[in-house]
Amino acid sequence: NVRFHRLEGQPIQTITKEMSVTLTSLIDLHRVVKKTWQRERDEISLPNIKPEVEKMYSGVEAGIMVIQSETIGAIAKGFSNPEAAVELVLATRHVERIATLLEDIPSELHSFD
């Protein structure tokens, strides 16, 4: 989130717009995965959210690919702010890492079930 806000005002608004869409999808993915550990006490079995999580993860992954592609394109076109480019790359890596962890949670939990 901090990295994303550092990019505000940079001449890469299409990339930051895609980043905000991807972050929204990541938050939605988190809400779904959260169902696994925020259940009612009487609910012993885990909900089967794996298909929904995989579908949502693929959307986040697609957004990440767009951001990476547009970042490379902006650099190739002469985008001359190395700090902003590094922030984009690092922010994208963080989003990707969080999405991967969220995608793994249902599988990990069901292996204990």
PDB file of N, CA and C in Angstrom:
ATOM      1  N   ASN A   1       0.823  -1.190   0.000  1.00  0.00           N
ATOM      2  CA  ASN A   1       0.000   0.000   0.000  1.00  0.00           C
ATOM      3  C   ASN A   1       0.869   1.257   0.000  1.00  0.00           C
ATOM      4  N   VAL A   2       1.917   1.267   0.808  1.00  0.00           N
ATOM      5  CA  VAL A   2       2.821   2.412   0.857  1.00  0.00           C
ATOM      6  C   VAL A   2       3.495   2.598  -0.493  1.00  0.00           C
ATOM      7  N   ARG A   3       3.967   1.508  -1.073  1.00  0.00           N
ATOM      8  CA  ARG A   3       4.622   1.598  -2.381  1.00  0.00           C
ATOM      9  C   ARG A   3       3.657   2.144  -3.427  1.00  0.00           C
ATOM     10  N   PHE A   4       2.414   1.685  -3.390  1.00  0.00           N
ATOM     11  CA  PHE A   4       1.419   2.134  -4.348  1.00  0.00           C
ATOM     12  C   PHE A   4       1.213   3.638  -4.231  1.00  0.00           C
ATOM     13  N   HIS A   5       1.140   4.158  -3.005  1.00  0.00           N
ATOM     14  CA  HIS A   5       0.921   5.593  -2.819  1.00  0.00           C
ATOM     15  C   HIS A   5       2.131   6.428  -3.242  1.00  0.00           C
ATOM     16  N   ARG A   6       3.317   5.840  -3.230  1.00  0.00           N
ATOM     17  CA  ARG A   6       4.503   6.551  -3.716  1.00  0.00           C
ATOM     18  C   ARG A   6       4.427   6.791  -5.220  1.00  0.00           C
ATOM     19  N   LEU A   7       3.607   6.017  -5.896  1.00  0.00           N
ATOM     20  CA  LEU A   7       3.502   6.125  -7.354  1.00  0.00           C
ATOM     21  C   LEU A   7       2.489   7.173  -7.805  1.00  0.00           C
ATOM     22  N   GLU A   8       1.685   7.680  -6.878  1.00  0.00           N
ATOM     23  CA  GLU A   8       0.687   8.684  -7.250  1.00  0.00           C
ATOM     24  C   GLU A   8       1.377   9.909  -7.840  1.00  0.00           C
ATOM     25  N   GLY A   9       0.789  10.422  -8.886  1.00  0.00           N
ATOM     26  CA  GLY A   9       1.325  11.610  -9.539  1.00  0.00           C
ATOM     27  C   GLY A   9       2.396  11.325 -10.571  1.00  0.00           C
ATOM     28  N   GLN A  10       2.798  10.081 -10.702  1.00  0.00           N
ATOM     29  CA  GLN A  10       3.784   9.714 -11.708  1.00  0.00           C
ATOM     30  C   GLN A  10       3.093   9.613 -13.071  1.00  0.00           C
ATOM     31  N   PRO A  11       3.828   9.803 -14.157  1.00  0.00           N
ATOM     32  CA  PRO A  11       3.213   9.745 -15.493  1.00  0.00           C
ATOM     33  C   PRO A  11       2.971   8.308 -15.972  1.00  0.00           C
ATOM     34  N   ILE A  12       2.538   7.462 -15.084  1.00  0.00           N
ATOM     35  CA  ILE A  12       2.269   6.056 -15.409  1.00  0.00           C
ATOM     36  C   ILE A  12       0.882   5.684 -14.888  1.00  0.00           C
ATOM     37  N   GLN A  13      -0.062   6.583 -15.101  1.00  0.00           N
ATOM     38  CA  GLN A  13      -1.388   6.413 -14.524  1.00  0.00           C
ATOM     39  C   GLN A  13      -2.097   5.142 -14.987  1.00  0.00           C
ATOM     40  N   THR A  14      -1.877   4.701 -16.221  1.00  0.00           N
ATOM     41  CA  THR A  14      -2.535   3.464 -16.661  1.00  0.00           C
ATOM     42  C   THR A  14      -2.044   2.275 -15.860  1.00  0.00           C
ATOM     43  N   ILE A  15      -0.771   2.295 -15.500  1.00  0.00           N
ATOM     44  CA  ILE A  15      -0.216   1.189 -14.710  1.00  0.00           C
ATOM     45  C   ILE A  15      -0.746   1.251 -13.286  1.00  0.00           C
ATOM     46  N   THR A  16      -0.775   2.439 -12.688  1.00  0.00           N
ATOM     47  CA  THR A  16      -1.278   2.544 -11.321  1.00  0.00           C
ATOM     48  C   THR A  16      -2.776   2.247 -11.260  1.00  0.00           C
ATOM     49  N   LYS A  17      -3.491   2.557 -12.329  1.00  0.00           N
ATOM     50  CA  LYS A  17      -4.916   2.220 -12.368  1.00  0.00           C
ATOM     51  C   LYS A  17      -5.083   0.694 -12.377  1.00  0.00           C
ATOM     52  N   GLU A  18      -4.283   0.003 -13.181  1.00  0.00           N
ATOM     53  CA  GLU A  18      -4.321  -1.461 -13.203  1.00  0.00           C
ATOM     54  C   GLU A  18      -3.901  -2.028 -11.851  1.00  0.00           C
ATOM     55  N   MET A  19      -2.960  -1.371 -11.199  1.00  0.00           N
ATOM     56  CA  MET A  19      -2.522  -1.807  -9.873  1.00  0.00           C
ATOM     57  C   MET A  19      -3.675  -1.695  -8.875  1.00  0.00           C
ATOM     58  N   SER A  20      -4.450  -0.618  -8.940  1.00  0.00           N
ATOM     59  CA  SER A  20      -5.569  -0.471  -7.996  1.00  0.00           C
ATOM     60  C   SER A  20      -6.650  -1.515  -8.252  1.00  0.00           C
ATOM     61  N   VAL A  21      -6.897  -1.852  -9.521  1.00  0.00           N
ATOM     62  CA  VAL A  21      -7.862  -2.912  -9.848  1.00  0.00           C
ATOM     63  C   VAL A  21      -7.367  -4.253  -9.307  1.00  0.00           C
ATOM     64  N   THR A  22      -6.084  -4.519  -9.467  1.00  0.00           N
ATOM     65  CA  THR A  22      -5.501  -5.769  -8.987  1.00  0.00           C
ATOM     66  C   THR A  22      -5.528  -5.831  -7.465  1.00  0.00           C
ATOM     67  N   LEU A  23      -5.254  -4.716  -6.804  1.00  0.00           N
ATOM     68  CA  LEU A  23      -5.315  -4.682  -5.340  1.00  0.00           C
ATOM     69  C   LEU A  23      -6.738  -4.929  -4.839  1.00  0.00           C
ATOM     70  N   THR A  24      -7.721  -4.387  -5.541  1.00  0.00           N
ATOM     71  CA  THR A  24      -9.114  -4.643  -5.176  1.00  0.00           C
ATOM     72  C   THR A  24      -9.440  -6.122  -5.302  1.00  0.00           C
ATOM     73  N   SER A  25      -8.962  -6.747  -6.363  1.00  0.00           N
ATOM     74  CA  SER A  25      -9.166  -8.188  -6.542  1.00  0.00           C
ATOM     75  C   SER A  25      -8.455  -8.981  -5.448  1.00  0.00           C
ATOM     76  N   LEU A  26      -7.285  -8.519  -5.042  1.00  0.00           N
ATOM     77  CA  LEU A  26      -6.540  -9.180  -3.974  1.00  0.00           C
ATOM     78  C   LEU A  26      -7.301  -9.082  -2.648  1.00  0.00           C
ATOM     79  N   ILE A  27      -7.891  -7.946  -2.374  1.00  0.00           N
ATOM     80  CA  ILE A  27      -8.686  -7.770  -1.153  1.00  0.00           C
ATOM     81  C   ILE A  27      -9.901  -8.686  -1.186  1.00  0.00           C
ATOM     82  N   ASP A  28     -10.545  -8.800  -2.342  1.00  0.00           N
ATOM     83  CA  ASP A  28     -11.676  -9.722  -2.477  1.00  0.00           C
ATOM     84  C   ASP A  28     -11.242 -11.168  -2.232  1.00  0.00           C
ATOM     85  N   LEU A  29     -10.086 -11.535  -2.756  1.00  0.00           N
ATOM     86  CA  LEU A  29      -9.539 -12.877  -2.547  1.00  0.00           C
ATOM     87  C   LEU A  29      -9.301 -13.110  -1.054  1.00  0.00           C
ATOM     88  N   HIS A  30      -8.762 -12.125  -0.374  1.00  0.00           N
ATOM     89  CA  HIS A  30      -8.528 -12.240   1.070  1.00  0.00           C
ATOM     90  C   HIS A  30      -9.837 -12.460   1.823  1.00  0.00           C
ATOM     91  N   ARG A  31     -10.876 -11.748   1.441  1.00  0.00           N
ATOM     92  CA  ARG A  31     -12.183 -11.917   2.113  1.00  0.00           C
ATOM     93  C   ARG A  31     -12.705 -13.340   1.971  1.00  0.00           C
ATOM     94  N   VAL A  32     -12.528 -13.928   0.811  1.00  0.00           N
ATOM     95  CA  VAL A  32     -12.990 -15.301   0.592  1.00  0.00           C
ATOM     96  C   VAL A  32     -12.165 -16.281   1.413  1.00  0.00           C
ATOM     97  N   VAL A  33     -10.847 -16.126   1.363  1.00  0.00           N
ATOM     98  CA  VAL A  33      -9.966 -17.045   2.088  1.00  0.00           C
ATOM     99  C   VAL A  33     -10.180 -16.923   3.600  1.00  0.00           C
ATOM    100  N   LYS A  34     -10.525 -15.745   4.048  1.00  0.00           N
ATOM    101  CA  LYS A  34     -10.752 -15.509   5.474  1.00  0.00           C
ATOM    102  C   LYS A  34     -11.884 -16.371   6.038  1.00  0.00           C
ATOM    103  N   LYS A  35     -12.752 -16.856   5.165  1.00  0.00           N
ATOM    104  CA  LYS A  35     -13.841 -17.733   5.594  1.00  0.00           C
ATOM    105  C   LYS A  35     -13.305 -19.016   6.229  1.00  0.00           C
ATOM    106  N   THR A  36     -12.069 -19.371   5.923  1.00  0.00           N
ATOM    107  CA  THR A  36     -11.515 -20.610   6.457  1.00  0.00           C
ATOM    108  C   THR A  36     -11.159 -20.489   7.933  1.00  0.00           C
ATOM    109  N   TRP A  37     -10.787 -19.319   8.384  1.00  0.00           N
ATOM    110  CA  TRP A  37     -10.421 -19.197   9.802  1.00  0.00           C
ATOM    111  C   TRP A  37     -11.405 -18.354  10.605  1.00  0.00           C
ATOM    112  N   GLN A  38     -12.385 -17.742   9.959  1.00  0.00           N
ATOM    113  CA  GLN A  38     -13.413 -17.013  10.693  1.00  0.00           C
ATOM    114  C   GLN A  38     -14.758 -17.693  10.466  1.00  0.00           C
ATOM    115  N   ARG A  39     -14.888 -18.872  11.074  1.00  0.00           N
ATOM    116  CA  ARG A  39     -16.124 -19.642  10.988  1.00  0.00           C
ATOM    117  C   ARG A  39     -16.809 -19.592  12.345  1.00  0.00           C
ATOM    118  N   GLU A  40     -18.065 -19.987  12.332  1.00  0.00           N
ATOM    119  CA  GLU A  40     -18.791 -20.109  13.598  1.00  0.00           C
ATOM    120  C   GLU A  40     -18.208 -21.281  14.378  1.00  0.00           C
ATOM    121  N   ARG A  41     -18.305 -21.244  15.687  1.00  0.00           N
ATOM    122  CA  ARG A  41     -17.732 -22.300  16.531  1.00  0.00           C
ATOM    123  C   ARG A  41     -18.303 -23.679  16.219  1.00  0.00           C
ATOM    124  N   ASP A  42     -19.565 -23.725  15.845  1.00  0.00           N
ATOM    125  CA  ASP A  42     -20.188 -25.026  15.604  1.00  0.00           C
ATOM    126  C   ASP A  42     -19.878 -25.592  14.219  1.00  0.00           C
ATOM    127  N   GLU A  43     -19.215 -24.826  13.385  1.00  0.00           N
ATOM    128  CA  GLU A  43     -18.818 -25.300  12.055  1.00  0.00           C
ATOM    129  C   GLU A  43     -17.462 -25.983  12.153  1.00  0.00           C
ATOM    130  N   ILE A  44     -17.480 -27.298  12.218  1.00  0.00           N
ATOM    131  CA  ILE A  44     -16.236 -28.041  12.370  1.00  0.00           C
ATOM    132  C   ILE A  44     -15.523 -28.210  11.034  1.00  0.00           C
ATOM    133  N   SER A  45     -16.261 -28.499   9.986  1.00  0.00           N
ATOM    134  CA  SER A  45     -15.611 -28.744   8.696  1.00  0.00           C
ATOM    135  C   SER A  45     -15.264 -27.425   8.004  1.00  0.00           C
ATOM    136  N   LEU A  46     -14.210 -27.492   7.222  1.00  0.00           N
ATOM    137  CA  LEU A  46     -13.770 -26.325   6.465  1.00  0.00           C
ATOM    138  C   LEU A  46     -14.622 -26.175   5.208  1.00  0.00           C
ATOM    139  N   PRO A  47     -14.934 -24.943   4.840  1.00  0.00           N
ATOM    140  CA  PRO A  47     -15.669 -24.752   3.585  1.00  0.00           C
ATOM    141  C   PRO A  47     -14.768 -25.064   2.397  1.00  0.00           C
ATOM    142  N   ASN A  48     -15.354 -25.591   1.341  1.00  0.00           N
ATOM    143  CA  ASN A  48     -14.570 -25.884   0.131  1.00  0.00           C
ATOM    144  C   ASN A  48     -14.568 -24.646  -0.760  1.00  0.00           C
ATOM    145  N   ILE A  49     -13.586 -23.807  -0.531  1.00  0.00           N
ATOM    146  CA  ILE A  49     -13.494 -22.554  -1.294  1.00  0.00           C
ATOM    147  C   ILE A  49     -12.406 -22.621  -2.363  1.00  0.00           C
ATOM    148  N   LYS A  50     -11.754 -23.765  -2.478  1.00  0.00           N
ATOM    149  CA  LYS A  50     -10.611 -23.877  -3.392  1.00  0.00           C
ATOM    150  C   LYS A  50     -10.967 -23.489  -4.831  1.00  0.00           C
ATOM    151  N   PRO A  51     -12.089 -23.968  -5.407  1.00  0.00           N
ATOM    152  CA  PRO A  51     -12.403 -23.557  -6.798  1.00  0.00           C
ATOM    153  C   PRO A  51     -12.591 -22.041  -6.938  1.00  0.00           C
ATOM    154  N   GLU A  52     -13.261 -21.443  -5.970  1.00  0.00           N
ATOM    155  CA  GLU A  52     -13.483 -19.998  -6.014  1.00  0.00           C
ATOM    156  C   GLU A  52     -12.161 -19.245  -5.862  1.00  0.00           C
ATOM    157  N   VAL A  53     -11.315 -19.727  -4.959  1.00  0.00           N
ATOM    158  CA  VAL A  53     -10.017 -19.096  -4.732  1.00  0.00           C
ATOM    159  C   VAL A  53      -9.141 -19.202  -5.973  1.00  0.00           C
ATOM    160  N   GLU A  54      -9.127 -20.361  -6.603  1.00  0.00           N
ATOM    161  CA  GLU A  54      -8.314 -20.535  -7.813  1.00  0.00           C
ATOM    162  C   GLU A  54      -8.769 -19.599  -8.926  1.00  0.00           C
ATOM    163  N   LYS A  55     -10.071 -19.436  -9.059  1.00  0.00           N
ATOM    164  CA  LYS A  55     -10.609 -18.528 -10.090  1.00  0.00           C
ATOM    165  C   LYS A  55     -10.209 -17.085  -9.787  1.00  0.00           C
ATOM    166  N   MET A  56     -10.351 -16.692  -8.524  1.00  0.00           N
ATOM    167  CA  MET A  56      -9.999 -15.327  -8.144  1.00  0.00           C
ATOM    168  C   MET A  56      -8.497 -15.093  -8.278  1.00  0.00           C
ATOM    169  N   TYR A  57      -7.718 -16.088  -7.910  1.00  0.00           N
ATOM    170  CA  TYR A  57      -6.260 -15.983  -8.016  1.00  0.00           C
ATOM    171  C   TYR A  57      -5.839 -15.783  -9.471  1.00  0.00           C
ATOM    172  N   SER A  58      -6.489 -16.489 -10.384  1.00  0.00           N
ATOM    173  CA  SER A  58      -6.120 -16.329 -11.798  1.00  0.00           C
ATOM    174  C   SER A  58      -6.400 -14.907 -12.276  1.00  0.00           C
ATOM    175  N   GLY A  59      -7.435 -14.261 -11.734  1.00  0.00           N
ATOM    176  CA  GLY A  59      -7.702 -12.856 -12.075  1.00  0.00           C
ATOM    177  C   GLY A  59      -6.628 -11.926 -11.550  1.00  0.00           C
ATOM    178  N   VAL A  60      -6.190 -12.174 -10.321  1.00  0.00           N
ATOM    179  CA  VAL A  60      -5.113 -11.371  -9.739  1.00  0.00           C
ATOM    180  C   VAL A  60      -3.823 -11.585 -10.532  1.00  0.00           C
ATOM    181  N   GLU A  61      -3.564 -12.842 -10.864  1.00  0.00           N
ATOM    182  CA  GLU A  61      -2.361 -13.182 -11.622  1.00  0.00           C
ATOM    183  C   GLU A  61      -2.364 -12.489 -12.992  1.00  0.00           C
ATOM    184  N   ALA A  62      -3.529 -12.433 -13.631  1.00  0.00           N
ATOM    185  CA  ALA A  62      -3.635 -11.752 -14.925  1.00  0.00           C
ATOM    186  C   ALA A  62      -3.354 -10.258 -14.774  1.00  0.00           C
ATOM    187  N   GLY A  63      -3.867  -9.662 -13.709  1.00  0.00           N
ATOM    188  CA  GLY A  63      -3.599  -8.244 -13.446  1.00  0.00           C
ATOM    189  C   GLY A  63      -2.121  -7.983 -13.225  1.00  0.00           C
ATOM    190  N   ILE A  64      -1.465  -8.893 -12.506  1.00  0.00           N
ATOM    191  CA  ILE A  64      -0.030  -8.760 -12.260  1.00  0.00           C
ATOM    192  C   ILE A  64       0.738  -8.812 -13.578  1.00  0.00           C
ATOM    193  N   MET A  65       0.340  -9.714 -14.445  1.00  0.00           N
ATOM    194  CA  MET A  65       1.012  -9.831 -15.743  1.00  0.00           C
ATOM    195  C   MET A  65       0.848  -8.557 -16.565  1.00  0.00           C
ATOM    196  N   VAL A  66      -0.331  -7.945 -16.515  1.00  0.00           N
ATOM    197  CA  VAL A  66      -0.561  -6.692 -17.236  1.00  0.00           C
ATOM    198  C   VAL A  66       0.337  -5.594 -16.679  1.00  0.00           C
ATOM    199  N   ILE A  67       0.409  -5.509 -15.346  1.00  0.00           N
ATOM    200  CA  ILE A  67       1.246  -4.483 -14.714  1.00  0.00           C
ATOM    201  C   ILE A  67       2.706  -4.668 -15.115  1.00  0.00           C
ATOM    202  N   GLN A  68       3.178  -5.902 -15.062  1.00  0.00           N
ATOM    203  CA  GLN A  68       4.572  -6.169 -15.429  1.00  0.00           C
ATOM    204  C   GLN A  68       4.830  -5.814 -16.890  1.00  0.00           C
ATOM    205  N   SER A  69       3.911  -6.182 -17.755  1.00  0.00           N
ATOM    206  CA  SER A  69       4.064  -5.894 -19.177  1.00  0.00           C
ATOM    207  C   SER A  69       4.061  -4.388 -19.442  1.00  0.00           C
ATOM    208  N   GLU A  70       3.140  -3.674 -18.813  1.00  0.00           N
ATOM    209  CA  GLU A  70       3.072  -2.227 -19.013  1.00  0.00           C
ATOM    210  C   GLU A  70       4.282  -1.514 -18.413  1.00  0.00           C
ATOM    211  N   THR A  71       4.798  -2.043 -17.322  1.00  0.00           N
ATOM    212  CA  THR A  71       6.006  -1.456 -16.720  1.00  0.00           C
ATOM    213  C   THR A  71       7.190  -1.601 -17.660  1.00  0.00           C
ATOM    214  N   ILE A  72       7.368  -2.777 -18.216  1.00  0.00           N
ATOM    215  CA  ILE A  72       8.455  -3.010 -19.169  1.00  0.00           C
ATOM    216  C   ILE A  72       8.269  -2.120 -20.396  1.00  0.00           C
ATOM    217  N   GLY A  73       7.023  -1.999 -20.861  1.00  0.00           N
ATOM    218  CA  GLY A  73       6.742  -1.137 -22.006  1.00  0.00           C
ATOM    219  C   GLY A  73       7.054   0.322 -21.718  1.00  0.00           C
ATOM    220  N   ALA A  74       6.712   0.786 -20.511  1.00  0.00           N
ATOM    221  CA  ALA A  74       6.991   2.178 -20.149  1.00  0.00           C
ATOM    222  C   ALA A  74       8.494   2.434 -20.091  1.00  0.00           C
ATOM    223  N   ILE A  75       9.228   1.488 -19.555  1.00  0.00           N
ATOM    224  CA  ILE A  75      10.690   1.636 -19.489  1.00  0.00           C
ATOM    225  C   ILE A  75      11.274   1.643 -20.902  1.00  0.00           C
ATOM    226  N   ALA A  76      10.761   0.770 -21.759  1.00  0.00           N
ATOM    227  CA  ALA A  76      11.246   0.710 -23.147  1.00  0.00           C
ATOM    228  C   ALA A  76      10.947   2.000 -23.911  1.00  0.00           C
ATOM    229  N   LYS A  77       9.857   2.677 -23.535  1.00  0.00           N
ATOM    230  CA  LYS A  77       9.483   3.927 -24.214  1.00  0.00           C
ATOM    231  C   LYS A  77      10.200   5.138 -23.626  1.00  0.00           C
ATOM    232  N   GLY A  78      11.097   4.895 -22.678  1.00  0.00           N
ATOM    233  CA  GLY A  78      11.892   5.999 -22.155  1.00  0.00           C
ATOM    234  C   GLY A  78      11.424   6.554 -20.830  1.00  0.00           C
ATOM    235  N   PHE A  79      10.591   5.844 -20.108  1.00  0.00           N
ATOM    236  CA  PHE A  79      10.183   6.302 -18.778  1.00  0.00           C
ATOM    237  C   PHE A  79      11.453   6.489 -17.959  1.00  0.00           C
ATOM    238  N   SER A  80      11.688   7.706 -17.528  1.00  0.00           N
ATOM    239  CA  SER A  80      13.005   8.039 -16.981  1.00  0.00           C
ATOM    240  C   SER A  80      13.039   8.178 -15.458  1.00  0.00           C
ATOM    241  N   ASN A  81      12.055   7.653 -14.765  1.00  0.00           N
ATOM    242  CA  ASN A  81      12.062   7.738 -13.310  1.00  0.00           C
ATOM    243  C   ASN A  81      12.371   6.360 -12.742  1.00  0.00           C
ATOM    244  N   PRO A  82      13.648   6.089 -12.478  1.00  0.00           N
ATOM    245  CA  PRO A  82      14.006   4.750 -11.999  1.00  0.00           C
ATOM    246  C   PRO A  82      13.374   4.411 -10.653  1.00  0.00           C
ATOM    247  N   GLU A  83      13.188   5.408  -9.779  1.00  0.00           N
ATOM    248  CA  GLU A  83      12.562   5.143  -8.475  1.00  0.00           C
ATOM    249  C   GLU A  83      11.153   4.606  -8.641  1.00  0.00           C
ATOM    250  N   ALA A  84      10.383   5.237  -9.518  1.00  0.00           N
ATOM    251  CA  ALA A  84       9.006   4.796  -9.740  1.00  0.00           C
ATOM    252  C   ALA A  84       8.978   3.406 -10.369  1.00  0.00           C
ATOM    253  N   ALA A  85       9.900   3.140 -11.279  1.00  0.00           N
ATOM    254  CA  ALA A  85       9.956   1.814 -11.907  1.00  0.00           C
ATOM    255  C   ALA A  85      10.268   0.744 -10.867  1.00  0.00           C
ATOM    256  N   VAL A  86      11.210   1.030  -9.981  1.00  0.00           N
ATOM    257  CA  VAL A  86      11.549   0.077  -8.919  1.00  0.00           C
ATOM    258  C   VAL A  86      10.363  -0.109  -7.982  1.00  0.00           C
ATOM    259  N   GLU A  87       9.679   0.971  -7.631  1.00  0.00           N
ATOM    260  CA  GLU A  87       8.501   0.866  -6.766  1.00  0.00           C
ATOM    261  C   GLU A  87       7.430  -0.014  -7.413  1.00  0.00           C
ATOM    262  N   LEU A  88       7.229   0.151  -8.715  1.00  0.00           N
ATOM    263  CA  LEU A  88       6.257  -0.683  -9.426  1.00  0.00           C
ATOM    264  C   LEU A  88       6.640  -2.153  -9.365  1.00  0.00           C
ATOM    265  N   VAL A  89       7.885  -2.432  -9.628  1.00  0.00           N
ATOM    266  CA  VAL A  89       8.354  -3.822  -9.617  1.00  0.00           C
ATOM    267  C   VAL A  89       8.204  -4.410  -8.222  1.00  0.00           C
ATOM    268  N   LEU A  90       8.621  -3.676  -7.194  1.00  0.00           N
ATOM    269  CA  LEU A  90       8.531  -4.184  -5.829  1.00  0.00           C
ATOM    270  C   LEU A  90       7.084  -4.338  -5.370  1.00  0.00           C
ATOM    271  N   ALA A  91       6.250  -3.363  -5.700  1.00  0.00           N
ATOM    272  CA  ALA A  91       4.836  -3.465  -5.320  1.00  0.00           C
ATOM    273  C   ALA A  91       4.185  -4.667  -5.990  1.00  0.00           C
ATOM    274  N   THR A  92       4.508  -4.875  -7.248  1.00  0.00           N
ATOM    275  CA  THR A  92       3.952  -6.013  -7.977  1.00  0.00           C
ATOM    276  C   THR A  92       4.417  -7.327  -7.368  1.00  0.00           C
ATOM    277  N   ARG A  93       5.671  -7.401  -6.984  1.00  0.00           N
ATOM    278  CA  ARG A  93       6.182  -8.622  -6.343  1.00  0.00           C
ATOM    279  C   ARG A  93       5.475  -8.890  -5.022  1.00  0.00           C
ATOM    280  N   HIS A  94       5.204  -7.830  -4.248  1.00  0.00           N
ATOM    281  CA  HIS A  94       4.492  -8.007  -2.979  1.00  0.00           C
ATOM    282  C   HIS A  94       3.073  -8.513  -3.217  1.00  0.00           C
ATOM    283  N   VAL A  95       2.398  -7.931  -4.180  1.00  0.00           N
ATOM    284  CA  VAL A  95       1.037  -8.367  -4.505  1.00  0.00           C
ATOM    285  C   VAL A  95       1.050  -9.827  -4.948  1.00  0.00           C
ATOM    286  N   GLU A  96       2.008 -10.175  -5.776  1.00  0.00           N
ATOM    287  CA  GLU A  96       2.112 -11.549  -6.257  1.00  0.00           C
ATOM    288  C   GLU A  96       2.370 -12.524  -5.101  1.00  0.00           C
ATOM    289  N   ARG A  97       3.246 -12.145  -4.198  1.00  0.00           N
ATOM    290  CA  ARG A  97       3.573 -12.996  -3.054  1.00  0.00           C
ATOM    291  C   ARG A  97       2.347 -13.194  -2.154  1.00  0.00           C
ATOM    292  N   ILE A  98       1.619 -12.134  -1.872  1.00  0.00           N
ATOM    293  CA  ILE A  98       0.427 -12.226  -1.034  1.00  0.00           C
ATOM    294  C   ILE A  98      -0.629 -13.089  -1.711  1.00  0.00           C
ATOM    295  N   ALA A  99      -0.834 -12.888  -3.006  1.00  0.00           N
ATOM    296  CA  ALA A  99      -1.831 -13.674  -3.740  1.00  0.00           C
ATOM    297  C   ALA A  99      -1.476 -15.159  -3.718  1.00  0.00           C
ATOM    298  N   THR A 100      -0.215 -15.472  -3.891  1.00  0.00           N
ATOM    299  CA  THR A 100       0.225 -16.871  -3.876  1.00  0.00           C
ATOM    300  C   THR A 100      -0.013 -17.497  -2.512  1.00  0.00           C
ATOM    301  N   LEU A 101       0.295 -16.771  -1.458  1.00  0.00           N
ATOM    302  CA  LEU A 101       0.048 -17.281  -0.107  1.00  0.00           C
ATOM    303  C   LEU A 101      -1.442 -17.515   0.135  1.00  0.00           C
ATOM    304  N   LEU A 102      -2.268 -16.572  -0.295  1.00  0.00           N
ATOM    305  CA  LEU A 102      -3.715 -16.735  -0.120  1.00  0.00           C
ATOM    306  C   LEU A 102      -4.238 -17.917  -0.913  1.00  0.00           C
ATOM    307  N   GLU A 103      -3.702 -18.120  -2.101  1.00  0.00           N
ATOM    308  CA  GLU A 103      -4.155 -19.231  -2.932  1.00  0.00           C
ATOM    309  C   GLU A 103      -3.789 -20.573  -2.301  1.00  0.00           C
ATOM    310  N   ASP A 104      -2.688 -20.616  -1.580  1.00  0.00           N
ATOM    311  CA  ASP A 104      -2.229 -21.862  -0.956  1.00  0.00           C
ATOM    312  C   ASP A 104      -2.987 -22.229   0.322  1.00  0.00           C
ATOM    313  N   ILE A 105      -3.606 -21.273   0.980  1.00  0.00           N
ATOM    314  CA  ILE A 105      -4.236 -21.531   2.280  1.00  0.00           C
ATOM    315  C   ILE A 105      -5.296 -22.630   2.224  1.00  0.00           C
ATOM    316  N   PRO A 106      -6.258 -22.611   1.292  1.00  0.00           N
ATOM    317  CA  PRO A 106      -7.269 -23.686   1.301  1.00  0.00           C
ATOM    318  C   PRO A 106      -6.659 -25.076   1.145  1.00  0.00           C
ATOM    319  N   SER A 107      -5.673 -25.216   0.277  1.00  0.00           N
ATOM    320  CA  SER A 107      -5.032 -26.520   0.088  1.00  0.00           C
ATOM    321  C   SER A 107      -4.313 -26.964   1.357  1.00  0.00           C
ATOM    322  N   GLU A 108      -3.594 -26.053   1.967  1.00  0.00           N
ATOM    323  CA  GLU A 108      -2.862 -26.369   3.185  1.00  0.00           C
ATOM    324  C   GLU A 108      -3.812 -26.781   4.314  1.00  0.00           C
ATOM    325  N   LEU A 109      -4.882 -26.041   4.467  1.00  0.00           N
ATOM    326  CA  LEU A 109      -5.824 -26.345   5.548  1.00  0.00           C
ATOM    327  C   LEU A 109      -6.534 -27.680   5.308  1.00  0.00           C
ATOM    328  N   HIS A 110      -6.903 -27.958   4.064  1.00  0.00           N
ATOM    329  CA  HIS A 110      -7.607 -29.191   3.779  1.00  0.00           C
ATOM    330  C   HIS A 110      -6.680 -30.411   3.877  1.00  0.00           C
ATOM    331  N   SER A 111      -5.390 -30.194   3.814  1.00  0.00           N
ATOM    332  CA  SER A 111      -4.478 -31.324   3.990  1.00  0.00           C
ATOM    333  C   SER A 111      -4.465 -31.787   5.449  1.00  0.00           C
ATOM    334  N   PHE A 112      -4.867 -30.893   6.376  1.00  0.00           N
ATOM    335  CA  PHE A 112      -4.952 -31.253   7.785  1.00  0.00           C
ATOM    336  C   PHE A 112      -6.324 -31.789   8.159  1.00  0.00           C
ATOM    337  N   ASP A 113      -7.306 -31.523   7.313  1.00  0.00           N
ATOM    338  CA  ASP A 113      -8.705 -31.870   7.599  1.00  0.00           C
ATOM    339  C   ASP A 113      -8.944 -33.369   7.574  1.00  0.00           C
TER     340      ASP A 113
END
